[in-house]
Protein backbone atom coordinates (compact mmCIF):
# COMPACT_ATOMS: atom_id res chain seq x y z
CA MET A 1 -141.36 -164.57 21.23
CA ASN A 2 -140.53 -166.30 18.38
CA PRO A 3 -138.67 -169.98 18.89
CA LEU A 4 -134.96 -169.73 18.35
CA THR A 5 -133.75 -171.59 15.51
CA HIS A 6 -132.40 -175.09 16.62
CA ALA A 7 -132.95 -177.60 13.66
CA ALA A 8 -134.53 -177.72 10.07
CA PRO A 9 -138.16 -177.26 10.14
CA GLY A 10 -139.61 -180.55 11.15
CA GLY A 11 -136.46 -182.41 11.30
CA ALA A 12 -134.54 -183.61 14.67
CA ASP A 13 -133.86 -181.27 17.32
CA ARG A 14 -130.09 -180.47 17.33
CA THR A 15 -129.78 -178.52 20.76
CA ARG A 16 -127.71 -181.23 22.80
CA ALA A 17 -125.84 -182.24 19.75
CA ALA A 18 -124.87 -178.44 19.37
CA ALA A 19 -123.78 -178.37 23.13
CA ASP A 20 -121.73 -181.51 23.04
CA ARG A 21 -120.10 -179.97 19.87
CA PHE A 22 -119.66 -176.39 22.04
CA ALA A 23 -118.01 -178.61 25.04
CA ALA A 24 -115.65 -180.46 22.61
CA GLY A 25 -114.45 -177.38 21.02
CA PHE A 26 -113.68 -176.02 24.49
CA ARG A 27 -112.44 -178.89 25.95
CA VAL A 28 -115.25 -179.42 28.44
CA PRO A 29 -114.77 -182.89 30.13
CA THR A 30 -117.92 -185.03 29.61
CA ALA A 31 -116.90 -188.37 30.48
CA LYS A 32 -119.05 -190.43 32.42
CA ASP A 33 -116.76 -190.06 35.56
CA ASN A 34 -116.26 -186.36 35.10
CA ASP A 35 -119.38 -184.84 33.12
CA GLN A 36 -119.10 -181.06 33.43
CA LEU A 37 -121.81 -180.03 30.80
CA PHE A 38 -124.83 -178.99 31.57
CA VAL A 39 -127.50 -178.10 29.70
CA LEU A 40 -131.20 -176.30 29.85
CA ALA A 41 -133.31 -175.91 27.13
CA ASP A 42 -136.88 -175.93 25.81
CA THR A 43 -135.89 -178.32 23.08
CA LEU A 44 -134.63 -181.72 24.98
CA ALA A 45 -137.05 -184.08 24.68
CA THR A 46 -135.32 -186.44 27.44
CA ASP A 47 -135.37 -183.43 30.08
CA ALA A 48 -138.69 -182.00 31.24
CA ARG A 49 -136.79 -179.40 33.14
CA MET A 50 -137.56 -176.24 31.21
CA PRO A 51 -135.95 -172.76 31.07
CA THR A 52 -138.00 -171.17 33.36
CA LYS A 53 -136.95 -168.08 35.43
CA ASP A 54 -136.49 -170.12 38.38
CA ALA A 55 -134.69 -172.84 36.80
CA LEU A 56 -132.27 -170.68 35.07
CA ALA A 57 -131.38 -168.93 38.36
CA LYS A 58 -131.38 -172.00 40.44
CA ALA A 59 -128.98 -173.40 37.56
CA VAL A 60 -126.90 -171.10 37.76
CA ASP A 61 -126.70 -171.07 41.27
CA GLY A 62 -125.99 -174.91 41.72
CA PHE A 63 -123.37 -174.68 38.90
CA CYS A 64 -121.37 -171.82 40.93
CA ALA A 65 -121.81 -173.65 44.28
CA THR A 66 -120.04 -176.49 42.87
CA THR A 67 -117.22 -174.81 40.90
CA ARG A 68 -113.33 -175.26 42.18
CA PRO A 69 -111.13 -172.13 42.51
CA GLN A 70 -108.86 -173.92 39.57
CA ASP A 71 -112.03 -174.21 37.25
CA ARG A 72 -112.14 -172.19 33.73
CA VAL A 73 -116.07 -171.77 33.53
CA VAL A 74 -117.68 -171.36 30.34
CA ILE A 75 -121.46 -170.24 30.59
CA TYR A 76 -123.39 -169.93 27.30
CA PHE A 77 -126.74 -168.05 27.07
CA GLY A 78 -128.54 -168.72 23.79
CA ALA A 79 -131.85 -166.48 24.61
CA HIS A 80 -133.48 -163.50 23.86
CA ALA A 81 -132.54 -160.54 25.66
CA VAL A 82 -134.38 -156.99 26.22
CA GLU A 83 -133.50 -154.10 27.66
CA LYS A 84 -136.15 -152.26 29.97
CA GLY A 85 -135.30 -148.82 32.07
CA GLY A 86 -131.39 -149.42 31.18
CA LYS A 87 -131.50 -152.81 32.51
CA ALA A 88 -130.69 -156.05 30.46
CA TYR A 89 -132.86 -158.99 30.96
CA LEU A 90 -132.96 -162.80 29.52
CA VAL A 91 -136.50 -164.11 28.41
CA PRO A 92 -137.23 -167.26 30.14
CA ILE A 93 -139.77 -169.55 28.49
CA ASP A 94 -142.34 -168.21 31.07
CA GLY A 95 -141.22 -164.56 30.91
CA ASP A 96 -143.20 -161.54 29.18
CA PRO A 97 -141.09 -159.05 27.73
CA ASP A 98 -143.29 -156.37 28.93
CA ALA A 99 -143.24 -157.44 32.73
CA PRO A 100 -139.51 -157.10 34.20
CA ASP A 101 -140.43 -159.03 37.28
CA THR A 102 -141.02 -162.51 35.20
CA LEU A 103 -137.49 -161.97 33.22
CA LEU A 104 -133.97 -163.10 34.53
CA PRO A 105 -131.98 -160.00 35.29
CA VAL A 106 -128.30 -160.01 33.62
CA ALA A 107 -127.08 -157.92 36.85
CA ASP A 108 -128.22 -161.28 38.75
CA VAL A 109 -126.07 -163.49 36.59
CA TYR A 110 -123.04 -161.39 37.08
CA GLU A 111 -123.39 -160.81 40.49
CA LYS A 112 -122.92 -164.59 41.33
CA LEU A 113 -120.18 -164.81 38.96
CA LYS A 114 -118.80 -161.52 40.92
CA GLU A 115 -118.61 -164.00 43.76
CA LEU A 116 -117.41 -167.04 42.48
CA LYS A 117 -113.80 -168.53 42.84
CA ALA A 118 -112.49 -169.51 39.43
CA ALA A 119 -109.61 -169.66 37.44
CA GLN A 120 -111.36 -168.28 34.38
CA LYS A 121 -115.01 -166.96 34.09
CA VAL A 122 -116.25 -166.75 30.21
CA VAL A 123 -119.84 -165.55 29.67
CA VAL A 124 -121.38 -165.73 26.33
CA TRP A 125 -124.28 -163.75 25.01
CA ASP A 126 -125.90 -165.19 21.93
CA VAL A 127 -128.75 -162.93 21.58
CA CYS A 128 -130.93 -160.71 19.29
CA ARG A 129 -131.04 -163.68 16.85
CA PHE A 130 -132.55 -163.47 13.37
CA ASN A 131 -133.20 -165.75 10.82
CA PRO A 132 -134.15 -164.12 7.53
CA GLU A 133 -135.22 -167.90 6.08
CA ARG A 134 -137.91 -167.84 8.32
CA VAL A 135 -141.26 -166.03 8.58
CA ARG A 136 -141.77 -164.78 12.09
CA ALA A 137 -145.23 -165.35 13.54
CA ARG A 138 -144.54 -163.62 17.32
CA ARG A 139 -142.51 -160.82 18.50
CA ASP A 140 -138.57 -160.79 18.56
CA SER A 141 -136.36 -158.93 20.66
CA GLY A 142 -135.32 -156.90 17.62
CA PRO A 143 -131.88 -155.53 16.82
CA MET A 144 -129.36 -154.94 19.29
CA THR A 145 -129.88 -151.78 21.32
CA ASP A 146 -126.95 -149.46 22.81
CA ALA A 147 -128.38 -150.02 26.24
CA LEU A 148 -128.31 -153.78 25.80
CA PHE A 149 -124.92 -153.79 24.47
CA LYS A 150 -124.02 -151.83 27.01
CA ALA A 151 -125.26 -153.83 30.07
CA LEU A 152 -124.24 -157.07 28.47
CA LYS A 153 -120.54 -155.97 28.58
CA ALA A 154 -120.91 -154.60 32.08
CA ALA A 155 -119.12 -157.62 33.43
CA PRO A 156 -117.68 -157.56 36.85
CA GLU A 157 -113.67 -157.52 37.42
CA GLY A 158 -112.18 -160.89 36.53
CA VAL A 159 -115.23 -162.14 34.02
CA GLN A 160 -114.42 -162.33 30.23
CA VAL A 161 -117.64 -161.49 28.33
CA LEU A 162 -118.54 -162.43 24.39
CA VAL A 163 -121.26 -160.44 22.61
CA SER A 164 -122.98 -162.13 19.54
CA CYS A 165 -123.61 -158.58 17.77
CA SER A 166 -122.85 -154.99 18.44
CA PRO A 167 -125.71 -152.16 18.19
CA GLY A 168 -128.12 -152.05 15.45
CA GLU A 169 -127.25 -155.47 14.39
CA ARG A 170 -128.93 -159.02 14.70
CA ALA A 171 -127.03 -162.32 15.22
CA LEU A 172 -127.79 -164.74 11.98
CA GLU A 173 -129.50 -167.95 12.41
CA TYR A 174 -130.05 -170.32 9.47
CA TYR A 175 -131.79 -173.65 8.57
CA THR A 176 -129.99 -174.23 4.85
CA PRO A 177 -126.23 -172.79 6.04
CA SER A 178 -124.00 -172.63 2.73
CA GLY A 179 -119.97 -172.65 2.45
CA PRO A 180 -117.27 -173.67 4.16
CA THR A 181 -117.76 -171.98 7.36
CA ALA A 182 -121.41 -172.65 8.08
CA MET A 183 -122.02 -176.15 9.20
CA PHE A 184 -124.96 -176.71 11.28
CA PRO A 185 -128.34 -175.23 11.20
CA GLY A 186 -129.19 -173.09 14.21
CA SER A 187 -126.69 -169.81 15.45
CA ALA A 188 -123.96 -168.76 13.20
CA TYR A 189 -122.15 -167.28 16.12
CA LEU A 190 -122.54 -170.59 18.14
CA ASP A 191 -120.77 -172.44 15.13
CA ALA A 192 -118.34 -169.98 14.86
CA LEU A 193 -117.11 -170.01 18.43
CA ARG A 194 -117.09 -173.89 18.30
CA GLN A 195 -114.75 -173.94 15.21
CA ALA A 196 -112.53 -171.29 16.63
CA ALA A 197 -112.60 -172.72 20.19
CA THR A 198 -111.55 -176.42 18.72
CA ASP A 199 -108.76 -174.54 16.36
CA ALA A 200 -107.35 -172.42 19.22
CA THR A 201 -107.03 -175.07 21.91
CA ALA A 202 -106.03 -178.04 20.02
CA LYS A 203 -102.92 -178.01 21.27
CA ALA A 204 -103.57 -176.74 24.62
CA ALA A 205 -102.13 -178.29 28.00
CA PRO A 206 -104.72 -179.09 30.96
CA GLY A 207 -104.14 -175.82 32.83
CA ASP A 208 -103.73 -173.35 29.95
CA ALA A 209 -106.31 -170.47 30.22
CA ILE A 210 -108.74 -170.50 27.56
CA PRO A 211 -107.62 -168.21 24.66
CA VAL A 212 -110.97 -165.87 24.46
CA GLU A 213 -109.45 -163.37 22.23
CA ALA A 214 -107.78 -165.61 20.02
CA ILE A 215 -111.33 -167.63 19.86
CA HIS A 216 -113.17 -163.70 19.60
CA LYS A 217 -111.24 -162.87 16.42
CA ALA A 218 -111.35 -166.16 14.72
CA ALA A 219 -115.20 -166.17 15.23
CA SER A 220 -115.72 -162.85 14.25
CA MET A 221 -114.23 -163.28 11.04
CA THR A 222 -116.24 -166.34 10.59
CA VAL A 223 -119.50 -164.70 11.04
CA ALA A 224 -118.68 -161.38 9.30
CA ALA A 225 -118.28 -163.50 6.08
CA LEU A 226 -122.05 -164.41 6.29
CA SER A 227 -123.75 -161.33 7.79
CA LYS A 228 -123.53 -157.82 9.24
CA GLN A 229 -122.72 -158.94 12.47
CA THR A 230 -119.87 -157.66 14.45
CA PRO A 231 -119.18 -159.75 18.13
CA ALA A 232 -117.79 -157.91 20.68
CA SER A 233 -115.66 -158.75 24.10
CA ALA A 234 -114.87 -157.43 27.19
CA GLY A 235 -113.18 -157.84 30.42
CA ALA A 236 -110.30 -160.10 31.64
CA LEU A 237 -108.93 -163.05 33.44
CA PRO A 238 -109.22 -162.71 37.44
CA LYS A 239 -105.57 -161.10 38.65
CA GLN A 240 -104.50 -164.43 40.68
CA PRO A 241 -106.23 -167.07 39.22
CA ALA A 242 -105.56 -170.45 41.59
CA GLU A 243 -102.89 -172.89 39.97
CA TYR A 244 -104.15 -175.99 38.16
CA ASP A 245 -103.95 -179.12 40.53
CA PRO A 246 -104.18 -182.39 38.29
CA LYS A 247 -104.61 -184.47 41.06
CA ALA A 248 -107.93 -182.62 42.59
CA ALA A 249 -110.95 -184.51 42.59
CA PRO A 250 -113.37 -183.37 39.76
CA ALA A 251 -115.86 -180.77 40.48
CA LYS A 252 -119.19 -182.29 41.71
CA ARG A 253 -122.48 -182.45 39.58
CA PHE A 254 -124.85 -180.01 40.85
CA ASP A 255 -128.51 -181.08 41.20
CA TRP A 256 -130.94 -179.79 38.89
CA PRO A 257 -133.77 -178.08 40.93
CA ILE A 258 -136.63 -180.26 42.18
CA LEU A 259 -139.78 -179.52 40.09
CA PRO A 260 -143.16 -179.09 42.07
CA LYS A 261 -145.52 -181.74 42.05
CA SER A 262 -146.88 -181.30 38.44
CA ALA A 263 -150.52 -182.10 36.78
CA GLN A 264 -151.36 -185.49 35.11
CA TYR A 265 -149.97 -185.22 31.76
CA ALA A 266 -152.93 -186.56 30.26
CA ASP A 267 -155.31 -183.51 31.90
CA VAL A 268 -152.79 -180.83 30.34
CA LYS A 269 -153.21 -182.90 27.33
CA ALA A 270 -156.85 -183.00 27.17
CA ILE A 271 -157.06 -179.28 27.48
CA LEU A 272 -154.96 -178.78 24.74
CA ASP A 273 -156.42 -181.07 22.60
CA ASP A 274 -159.74 -179.57 23.07
CA LEU A 275 -158.43 -175.95 22.12
CA ALA A 276 -156.21 -177.16 19.14
CA LEU A 277 -156.26 -175.14 15.91
CA PRO A 278 -154.17 -174.68 12.75
CA PRO A 279 -151.43 -172.22 13.06
CA LEU A 280 -152.56 -168.72 11.90
CA LEU A 281 -149.64 -168.70 9.22
CA GLU A 282 -146.62 -170.40 10.51
CA ASP A 283 -146.32 -173.92 12.28
CA ASP A 284 -145.49 -172.22 15.67
CA ALA A 285 -146.96 -174.76 18.09
CA GLY A 286 -144.15 -174.23 20.97
CA VAL A 287 -143.73 -176.47 23.91
CA ILE A 288 -146.93 -175.43 25.72
CA GLU A 289 -147.80 -178.95 26.91
CA ARG A 290 -144.18 -179.53 28.31
CA LEU A 291 -144.71 -176.31 30.60
CA LEU A 292 -145.06 -177.10 34.59
CA PHE A 293 -148.78 -177.05 35.61
CA THR A 294 -149.57 -177.97 39.15
CA GLU A 295 -152.51 -179.97 40.62
CA ALA A 296 -153.39 -176.95 42.73
CA GLY A 297 -153.23 -174.53 39.40
CA LEU A 298 -155.35 -177.03 37.83
CA LYS A 299 -158.03 -177.80 40.88
CA GLY A 300 -161.45 -177.10 39.75
CA TYR A 301 -160.84 -177.11 36.04
CA ALA A 302 -161.68 -180.80 35.52
CA ALA A 303 -164.09 -182.22 32.99
CA ASP A 304 -167.30 -183.70 33.88
CA VAL A 305 -168.90 -184.83 30.35
CA SER A 306 -167.38 -185.76 27.12
CA ALA A 307 -167.86 -184.02 24.00
CA ASP A 308 -169.85 -186.71 22.43
CA ASP A 309 -172.31 -186.26 25.64
CA ILE A 310 -172.16 -182.68 25.25
CA LEU A 311 -173.14 -182.73 21.36
CA LYS A 312 -176.16 -185.23 22.31
CA ASN A 313 -177.61 -182.32 24.76
CA THR A 314 -177.41 -179.47 23.08
CA ALA A 315 -180.30 -178.12 24.58
CA LYS A 316 -178.60 -178.52 28.32
CA TYR A 317 -175.46 -177.36 27.10
CA PRO A 318 -175.86 -174.52 24.49
CA LEU A 319 -172.19 -172.44 25.54
CA ARG A 320 -170.43 -175.84 25.09
CA VAL A 321 -172.19 -176.92 21.61
CA ALA A 322 -171.44 -173.30 20.45
CA THR A 323 -167.75 -173.32 21.48
CA LEU A 324 -167.22 -176.98 19.96
CA HIS A 325 -168.64 -175.59 16.61
CA ALA A 326 -166.50 -172.67 16.86
CA LEU A 327 -163.37 -174.58 17.32
CA GLN A 328 -164.19 -177.43 14.54
CA THR A 329 -165.28 -174.53 12.14
CA VAL A 330 -162.04 -173.20 12.48
CA ARG A 331 -159.99 -176.46 11.96
CA ALA A 332 -161.81 -177.48 8.96
CA SER A 333 -161.96 -174.06 7.13
CA TRP A 334 -158.71 -172.34 8.01
CA PRO A 335 -157.07 -171.35 4.70
CA ILE A 336 -153.62 -170.33 5.13
CA SER A 337 -150.75 -172.49 6.06
CA LEU A 338 -147.08 -171.95 4.95
CA LYS A 339 -146.28 -175.72 6.05
CA GLU A 340 -149.20 -177.06 4.35
CA GLY A 341 -149.12 -174.69 1.38
CA LYS A 342 -152.90 -173.85 1.66
CA GLY A 343 -153.80 -170.38 0.29
CA VAL A 344 -151.07 -167.73 -1.80
CA THR A 345 -148.33 -167.28 0.35
CA THR A 346 -145.86 -166.59 -2.29
CA LEU A 347 -145.57 -164.27 -5.57
CA PRO A 348 -143.33 -164.76 -8.18
CA SER A 349 -141.86 -161.76 -10.29
CA PRO A 350 -142.92 -160.32 -12.34
CA VAL A 351 -146.89 -160.78 -11.15
CA THR A 352 -148.72 -161.92 -14.58
CA GLU A 353 -152.08 -160.97 -15.44
CA LYS A 354 -152.66 -164.81 -15.29
CA PHE A 355 -151.33 -165.12 -11.81
CA LYS A 356 -153.73 -162.02 -10.88
CA LYS A 357 -156.56 -164.26 -11.71
CA THR A 358 -155.19 -166.90 -9.37
CA ILE A 359 -155.39 -164.29 -6.80
CA SER A 360 -158.89 -163.29 -7.80
CA ASP A 361 -159.79 -167.28 -7.35
CA ALA A 362 -158.34 -167.49 -4.43
CA GLN A 363 -160.56 -164.56 -2.68
CA LEU A 364 -163.98 -166.18 -3.25
CA PRO A 365 -163.33 -169.22 -1.12
CA LEU A 366 -161.68 -166.97 1.40
CA ALA A 367 -164.89 -164.68 1.50
CA GLU A 368 -167.07 -167.91 2.20
CA THR A 369 -164.85 -168.51 5.16
CA LEU A 370 -165.09 -164.94 6.75
CA LEU A 371 -169.07 -165.64 6.36
CA LYS A 372 -168.74 -168.78 7.93
CA LEU A 373 -166.31 -167.71 11.20
CA GLU A 374 -168.42 -164.24 11.33
CA ALA A 375 -171.69 -166.53 11.48
CA VAL A 376 -170.00 -168.74 14.35
CA LEU A 377 -168.88 -165.52 16.19
CA ASP A 378 -172.65 -164.62 16.14
CA SER A 379 -173.48 -167.86 17.76
CA LEU A 380 -170.74 -167.76 20.39
CA GLN A 381 -172.08 -164.36 21.61
CA ALA A 382 -175.76 -165.26 21.42
CA ALA A 383 -174.63 -168.31 24.00
CA ALA A 384 -172.75 -165.62 26.19
CA GLY A 385 -175.90 -165.65 28.71
CA SER A 386 -175.24 -169.39 29.78
CA ARG A 387 -171.41 -168.11 30.67
CA ALA A 388 -172.46 -167.59 34.38
CA LYS A 389 -173.93 -171.17 34.91
CA GLU A 390 -170.97 -173.08 33.42
CA THR A 391 -168.18 -174.63 34.99
CA LYS A 392 -164.47 -173.05 35.20
CA ARG A 393 -163.32 -175.14 32.48
CA TRP A 394 -165.84 -174.18 29.85
CA GLN A 395 -165.90 -170.41 31.11
CA ALA A 396 -162.26 -170.51 30.16
CA HIS A 397 -162.69 -172.66 26.90
CA TYR A 398 -165.25 -169.92 25.74
CA ASP A 399 -163.63 -167.23 26.47
CA TYR A 400 -160.20 -168.19 24.85
CA THR A 401 -162.34 -169.39 21.74
CA LEU A 402 -164.35 -165.95 21.53
CA ALA A 403 -160.71 -163.94 21.56
CA GLU A 404 -159.22 -166.38 19.13
CA LEU A 405 -162.16 -166.19 16.87
CA ARG A 406 -162.04 -162.42 16.72
CA LEU A 407 -158.36 -162.51 16.31
CA ARG A 408 -158.37 -165.02 13.11
CA LEU A 409 -161.42 -162.76 11.83
CA ALA A 410 -159.14 -159.81 11.93
CA VAL A 411 -156.27 -161.92 10.52
CA LEU A 412 -158.21 -163.45 7.44
CA ASN A 413 -159.79 -159.52 6.60
CA GLU A 414 -155.83 -158.83 6.36
CA TYR A 415 -155.19 -161.56 4.35
CA ASN A 416 -157.90 -160.58 1.68
CA LEU A 417 -156.28 -156.80 1.81
CA VAL A 418 -153.04 -158.09 0.88
CA LEU A 419 -154.31 -160.42 -1.72
CA ALA A 420 -156.11 -157.42 -3.39
CA ARG A 421 -152.81 -155.59 -3.47
CA VAL A 422 -151.49 -158.06 -5.25
CA ARG A 423 -154.43 -157.36 -8.02
CA THR A 424 -153.61 -153.47 -7.97
CA ASP A 425 -150.00 -153.61 -8.32
CA THR A 426 -149.47 -152.20 -4.96
CA LEU A 427 -146.21 -154.14 -3.84
CA PRO A 428 -143.28 -153.04 -2.22
CA ASN A 429 -139.80 -153.09 -4.11
CA LEU A 430 -137.99 -156.53 -4.32
CA THR A 431 -134.75 -156.73 -2.71
CA THR A 432 -132.12 -157.29 -5.52
CA GLY A 433 -131.82 -160.84 -6.46
CA THR A 434 -134.74 -162.10 -4.87
CA PRO A 435 -137.25 -164.20 -6.84
CA GLY A 436 -140.53 -162.77 -5.42
CA TRP A 437 -142.54 -161.91 -2.31
CA ARG A 438 -143.29 -163.81 0.37
CA LEU A 439 -146.14 -163.60 2.98
CA ALA A 440 -145.11 -162.56 6.36
CA PRO A 441 -146.59 -160.86 9.70
CA ALA A 442 -146.70 -157.34 10.24
CA PRO A 443 -146.72 -155.38 13.67
CA THR A 444 -150.01 -153.30 12.38
CA LEU A 445 -153.31 -153.95 10.66
CA LEU A 446 -153.94 -152.29 7.54
CA SER A 447 -157.69 -152.64 7.35
CA ARG A 448 -160.70 -150.87 8.09
CA ARG A 449 -161.70 -149.42 11.59
CA GLU A 450 -164.00 -152.45 12.39
CA VAL A 451 -161.38 -155.11 12.03
CA LYS A 452 -158.84 -153.08 14.16
CA ASP A 453 -161.82 -152.84 16.48
CA MET A 454 -162.18 -156.55 16.42
CA LEU A 455 -158.61 -157.10 17.06
CA VAL A 456 -158.55 -154.87 20.21
CA ALA A 457 -161.33 -156.93 21.46
CA ALA A 458 -159.45 -159.86 20.95
CA GLN A 459 -156.51 -158.91 22.78
CA GLU A 460 -158.63 -157.61 25.64
CA GLY A 461 -160.15 -161.23 25.67
CA PHE A 462 -156.71 -163.01 25.90
CA ALA A 463 -155.62 -160.95 28.43
CA LYS A 464 -158.59 -161.42 30.75
CA VAL A 465 -158.28 -165.47 30.16
CA ALA A 466 -154.74 -165.25 31.31
CA ALA A 467 -155.51 -162.59 34.24
CA ASP A 468 -158.47 -165.27 35.36
CA HIS A 469 -156.79 -168.54 35.03
CA LYS A 470 -153.13 -167.98 35.85
CA GLY A 471 -150.96 -171.05 36.15
CA THR A 472 -153.20 -172.99 34.12
CA PRO A 473 -153.01 -173.91 29.99
CA TRP A 474 -155.38 -171.29 29.26
CA GLU A 475 -153.04 -168.56 30.52
CA ALA A 476 -150.08 -169.94 28.26
CA LEU A 477 -152.38 -170.52 25.45
CA ALA A 478 -153.94 -166.77 26.05
CA LYS A 479 -150.48 -165.21 26.45
CA ARG A 480 -149.07 -166.89 23.00
CA SER A 481 -152.04 -165.89 20.90
CA ARG A 482 -151.62 -162.32 22.65
CA ALA A 483 -147.71 -162.06 21.25
CA LEU A 484 -148.82 -163.10 17.72
CA VAL A 485 -147.96 -160.40 15.16
CA PRO A 486 -151.65 -159.50 14.00
CA GLY A 487 -150.89 -158.05 10.30
CA LEU A 488 -149.81 -159.22 7.25
CA HIS A 489 -147.78 -158.08 4.07
CA TRP A 490 -145.83 -158.90 1.44
CA GLU A 491 -141.88 -158.95 2.11
CA SER A 492 -139.05 -160.03 -0.35
CA MET A 493 -138.16 -163.66 -0.43
CA PRO A 494 -134.50 -164.25 0.92
CA ALA A 495 -132.24 -164.63 -2.23
CA PRO A 496 -130.96 -167.95 -3.03
CA LYS A 497 -127.82 -169.08 -1.52
CA PRO A 498 -124.77 -170.02 -3.27
CA ASP A 499 -124.00 -173.97 -3.26
CA ALA A 500 -121.47 -175.01 -0.58
CA LYS A 501 -118.17 -175.82 -1.82
């Protein structure tokens, strides 16, 4: 799924800093001898633990197991959430939104909190997030649904819940906030909660309850000024909370779960380097190299000879040569990039005849690229007879490359089609105040039947790679490519923001 916004594009990660500010707003102790802040995220460069399903579940277990009856706890989830069959789930970094058994049930979190003895229990669900400034290359969770909203609010007695938005709405993210209430790139709701908590707890005594309703009302006003977003609250304090004892020893820090023995980082990186390709549209590399791949999972996939040796013995390695040539051709010729400014990815309004000439000029090299990739696809398919004799590593390389090439041919055909629509003045109506259009992914293809068939073959190829090579980087790469939104269309650019005051 689309990574959440946590920093400016290409800038420094700010997840830990955001967590520190949030903790300060809620008066959470973070002193060296009493640090009660725990952060699990897929962006922390200094922490190898990723928010997998297992890690998330064990983190909640450890947090609850070390909580004292007098403690007031806040658990914040900034994540994708989905609803399946009336049940709510968090999507961990290793989760598949279409496979509930890979997801973390919200009910499991609530079951832990139901049994937890604490003076106050607060859960924040910052979900259904959406960044209008960003081109989304992968699936997202969509707007809040009635069923998801109901499940998130269905907390056990004694648990207070805050939800980022209401049914039919999205929770705002931004890269370039403006105005006095928007302070940091990331989640508008997270920042609004932080500021509201800072104000509401400024004069609080150590034993006072967290003023959840006051924080909720203030944060709701802040985000309402920024977007059509209506946060919600539910639940109440435990009926008989334990009294605060200033002399009690601080709550113990729990130990993060012990990770299985991982494969050598260099081995994983070598696989990913072999298969590295330019992003289809957006720089969306993700965090695959930091996922946990075990030695057992990579057993039998070791490299045997170098790429140089392969290219010196083309007759001996026809499948490997075809695979390497295909990958290199895509790297050298991929014509679209939002980050690098390749191709026509934005349109001014109005589209003049002079600009249409620019479109026509852009389609000529695009046609050449399509011919190159079609020839490479023919070469790959011609080498298929050598697949059965190859090692597991090169079978996986070949199968993934074949699926990836088909996907990219489908995308380029779609790109050629949307460029043609500029020349024929078949563009969607613009949103008021926007300066023009931008290229963005679309859930379905508009191209002819054979292009759609090629996409189906690519998706089937990725599914086979993921099934045949479970627990490996090939599985992760195939699942990511399969989740990419394959179509393209023109959409209105975001309207310019007013200057910050």
